[in-house]
Every structure is written in C-alpha cells, then in structure tokens.
Amino acid sequence: MPLPKLATRYLTTADVAERYRTAASTVRYWRHIGYGPKGVKVGRRVLYTEASLALFEQQLEDGSAA
C-alpha cells in the first residue's frame, strides 16, 4: 500500500523575508546564527516549510525563540 502524499508548501528565503517584512540577508543571517525558522537545504537553495514558520512564530509568542 503506497504512502499518502502530504501536501507541503516550501517557501524560499525571499518568501520568508517578505512574510516577516525584512531583507533576505536578514533571514540568511538568522540561519547563520541559529535563530529563526529551520530551513532545509536543497541543492544550493534553502527552503522553509510552513510548519517550521508556524513553530518559529509560536516560539516568538512564548518568548522562547532562540
């Protein structure tokens, strides 16, 4: 029996920057220092799932984003 496909939307660094109203370089810096949503490297690109953004936003609300 095949596994069901999960619909996952991936966002680029530019998409994430637009969502948080900041520059793409800021999102790259966050990734460098270990802050912000977790990205997945695919080739030369870093992609972010909406779930990782939701988790990051929840951590911001809880005051535990680091």
N, C-alpha and C. Protein backbone atom coordinates (compact mmCIF):
# COMPACT_ATOMS: atom_id res chain seq x y z
N MET A 1 0.85 -1.18 0.00
CA MET A 1 0.00 0.00 0.00
C MET A 1 0.89 1.24 0.00
N PRO A 2 0.73 2.14 -0.96
CA PRO A 2 1.57 3.34 -1.03
C PRO A 2 1.23 4.31 0.09
N LEU A 3 2.25 5.07 0.47
CA LEU A 3 2.05 6.09 1.50
C LEU A 3 1.28 7.27 0.90
N PRO A 4 0.42 7.91 1.68
CA PRO A 4 -0.31 9.08 1.16
C PRO A 4 0.65 10.25 0.99
N LYS A 5 0.41 11.04 -0.03
CA LYS A 5 1.23 12.23 -0.25
C LYS A 5 0.78 13.33 0.69
N LEU A 6 1.74 13.93 1.33
CA LEU A 6 1.45 15.06 2.21
C LEU A 6 1.72 16.34 1.45
N ALA A 7 0.78 17.21 1.42
CA ALA A 7 0.95 18.48 0.72
C ALA A 7 1.76 19.43 1.61
N THR A 8 3.00 19.64 1.22
CA THR A 8 3.87 20.53 1.95
C THR A 8 4.26 21.66 1.03
N ARG A 9 4.04 22.86 1.48
CA ARG A 9 4.42 24.03 0.70
C ARG A 9 5.76 24.53 1.21
N TYR A 10 6.70 24.70 0.29
CA TYR A 10 8.02 25.19 0.64
C TYR A 10 8.15 26.64 0.22
N LEU A 11 8.77 27.43 1.09
CA LEU A 11 8.97 28.85 0.82
C LEU A 11 10.46 29.12 0.67
N THR A 12 10.79 30.06 -0.19
CA THR A 12 12.18 30.45 -0.39
C THR A 12 12.58 31.48 0.68
N THR A 13 13.86 31.80 0.70
CA THR A 13 14.35 32.82 1.63
C THR A 13 13.65 34.15 1.35
N ALA A 14 13.44 34.47 0.07
CA ALA A 14 12.75 35.72 -0.28
C ALA A 14 11.31 35.71 0.22
N ASP A 15 10.65 34.55 0.14
CA ASP A 15 9.27 34.44 0.64
C ASP A 15 9.22 34.68 2.15
N VAL A 16 10.19 34.09 2.85
CA VAL A 16 10.24 34.24 4.31
C VAL A 16 10.52 35.69 4.68
N ALA A 17 11.44 36.32 3.97
CA ALA A 17 11.76 37.73 4.22
C ALA A 17 10.53 38.61 4.02
N GLU A 18 9.79 38.34 2.97
CA GLU A 18 8.58 39.11 2.71
C GLU A 18 7.55 38.90 3.81
N ARG A 19 7.42 37.66 4.26
CA ARG A 19 6.44 37.35 5.32
C ARG A 19 6.76 38.10 6.61
N TYR A 20 8.05 38.21 6.93
CA TYR A 20 8.45 38.89 8.18
C TYR A 20 8.86 40.34 7.95
N ARG A 21 8.64 40.84 6.74
CA ARG A 21 8.91 42.23 6.40
C ARG A 21 10.33 42.63 6.74
N THR A 22 11.26 41.82 6.26
CA THR A 22 12.68 42.08 6.47
C THR A 22 13.42 41.75 5.18
N ALA A 23 14.71 41.92 5.18
CA ALA A 23 15.51 41.63 3.99
C ALA A 23 15.89 40.15 3.95
N ALA A 24 16.12 39.65 2.76
CA ALA A 24 16.55 38.25 2.60
C ALA A 24 17.88 38.03 3.32
N SER A 25 18.74 39.05 3.33
CA SER A 25 20.03 38.91 4.02
C SER A 25 19.83 38.72 5.52
N THR A 26 18.78 39.30 6.08
CA THR A 26 18.48 39.11 7.49
C THR A 26 18.07 37.67 7.77
N VAL A 27 17.26 37.09 6.89
CA VAL A 27 16.85 35.69 7.05
C VAL A 27 18.08 34.78 6.95
N ARG A 28 18.99 35.09 6.01
CA ARG A 28 20.22 34.29 5.90
C ARG A 28 21.07 34.43 7.16
N TYR A 29 21.14 35.64 7.71
CA TYR A 29 21.89 35.86 8.95
C TYR A 29 21.27 35.08 10.10
N TRP A 30 19.94 35.11 10.21
CA TRP A 30 19.26 34.33 11.25
C TRP A 30 19.68 32.86 11.16
N ARG A 31 19.69 32.33 9.93
CA ARG A 31 20.05 30.93 9.74
C ARG A 31 21.49 30.69 10.19
N HIS A 32 22.38 31.64 9.89
CA HIS A 32 23.79 31.54 10.26
C HIS A 32 23.98 31.48 11.78
N ILE A 33 23.20 32.27 12.52
CA ILE A 33 23.37 32.31 13.98
C ILE A 33 22.45 31.32 14.72
N GLY A 34 21.65 30.56 13.96
CA GLY A 34 20.79 29.56 14.59
C GLY A 34 19.48 30.10 15.11
N TYR A 35 19.06 31.23 14.61
CA TYR A 35 17.81 31.86 15.02
C TYR A 35 16.82 31.73 13.87
N GLY A 36 15.56 31.81 14.17
CA GLY A 36 14.56 31.82 13.11
C GLY A 36 14.07 30.43 12.75
N PRO A 37 13.25 30.37 11.71
CA PRO A 37 12.68 29.09 11.29
C PRO A 37 13.77 28.17 10.73
N LYS A 38 13.59 26.89 10.90
CA LYS A 38 14.56 25.91 10.40
C LYS A 38 14.37 25.73 8.91
N GLY A 39 15.46 25.78 8.18
CA GLY A 39 15.41 25.60 6.74
C GLY A 39 15.98 24.25 6.34
N VAL A 40 15.65 23.84 5.14
CA VAL A 40 16.15 22.59 4.57
C VAL A 40 16.92 22.95 3.32
N LYS A 41 18.17 22.52 3.24
CA LYS A 41 18.97 22.84 2.07
C LYS A 41 18.68 21.83 0.98
N VAL A 42 18.30 22.34 -0.17
CA VAL A 42 18.02 21.52 -1.35
C VAL A 42 18.91 22.05 -2.46
N GLY A 43 19.98 21.33 -2.74
CA GLY A 43 20.96 21.85 -3.69
C GLY A 43 21.60 23.09 -3.12
N ARG A 44 21.50 24.18 -3.85
CA ARG A 44 22.08 25.44 -3.37
C ARG A 44 21.06 26.33 -2.67
N ARG A 45 19.81 25.89 -2.65
CA ARG A 45 18.73 26.70 -2.08
C ARG A 45 18.38 26.23 -0.68
N VAL A 46 17.92 27.16 0.12
CA VAL A 46 17.37 26.83 1.43
C VAL A 46 15.87 27.07 1.34
N LEU A 47 15.10 26.05 1.69
CA LEU A 47 13.65 26.15 1.66
C LEU A 47 13.09 25.98 3.06
N TYR A 48 11.96 26.59 3.30
CA TYR A 48 11.33 26.57 4.62
C TYR A 48 9.91 26.05 4.47
N THR A 49 9.50 25.15 5.36
CA THR A 49 8.12 24.68 5.33
C THR A 49 7.25 25.64 6.13
N GLU A 50 5.98 25.65 5.78
CA GLU A 50 5.05 26.49 6.54
C GLU A 50 4.97 26.02 7.99
N ALA A 51 5.16 24.73 8.21
CA ALA A 51 5.14 24.19 9.58
C ALA A 51 6.30 24.76 10.40
N SER A 52 7.48 24.89 9.79
CA SER A 52 8.63 25.44 10.53
C SER A 52 8.41 26.92 10.83
N LEU A 53 7.73 27.63 9.93
CA LEU A 53 7.42 29.03 10.20
C LEU A 53 6.41 29.16 11.33
N ALA A 54 5.42 28.27 11.33
CA ALA A 54 4.41 28.29 12.40
C ALA A 54 5.06 27.99 13.75
N LEU A 55 5.98 27.04 13.77
CA LEU A 55 6.69 26.71 15.02
C LEU A 55 7.50 27.90 15.50
N PHE A 56 8.21 28.56 14.60
CA PHE A 56 9.01 29.73 14.95
C PHE A 56 8.11 30.84 15.51
N GLU A 57 6.97 31.05 14.87
CA GLU A 57 6.05 32.09 15.34
C GLU A 57 5.49 31.75 16.72
N GLN A 58 5.24 30.47 16.96
CA GLN A 58 4.76 30.05 18.28
C GLN A 58 5.83 30.29 19.34
N GLN A 59 7.09 30.02 18.99
CA GLN A 59 8.19 30.26 19.91
C GLN A 59 8.33 31.75 20.19
N LEU A 60 8.11 32.59 19.18
CA LEU A 60 8.15 34.03 19.41
C LEU A 60 7.07 34.46 20.39
N GLU A 61 5.87 33.92 20.23
CA GLU A 61 4.78 34.26 21.13
C GLU A 61 5.06 33.80 22.56
N ASP A 62 5.70 32.63 22.68
CA ASP A 62 6.01 32.08 24.00
C ASP A 62 7.24 32.73 24.62
N GLY A 63 7.99 33.48 23.80
CA GLY A 63 9.21 34.11 24.30
C GLY A 63 10.40 33.18 24.37
N SER A 64 10.33 32.06 23.65
CA SER A 64 11.41 31.07 23.72
C SER A 64 12.17 30.91 22.41
N ALA A 65 12.01 31.85 21.47
CA ALA A 65 12.74 31.76 20.19
C ALA A 65 14.21 32.05 20.43
N ALA A 66 15.04 31.12 20.04
CA ALA A 66 16.49 31.32 20.19
C ALA A 66 17.22 30.55 19.14
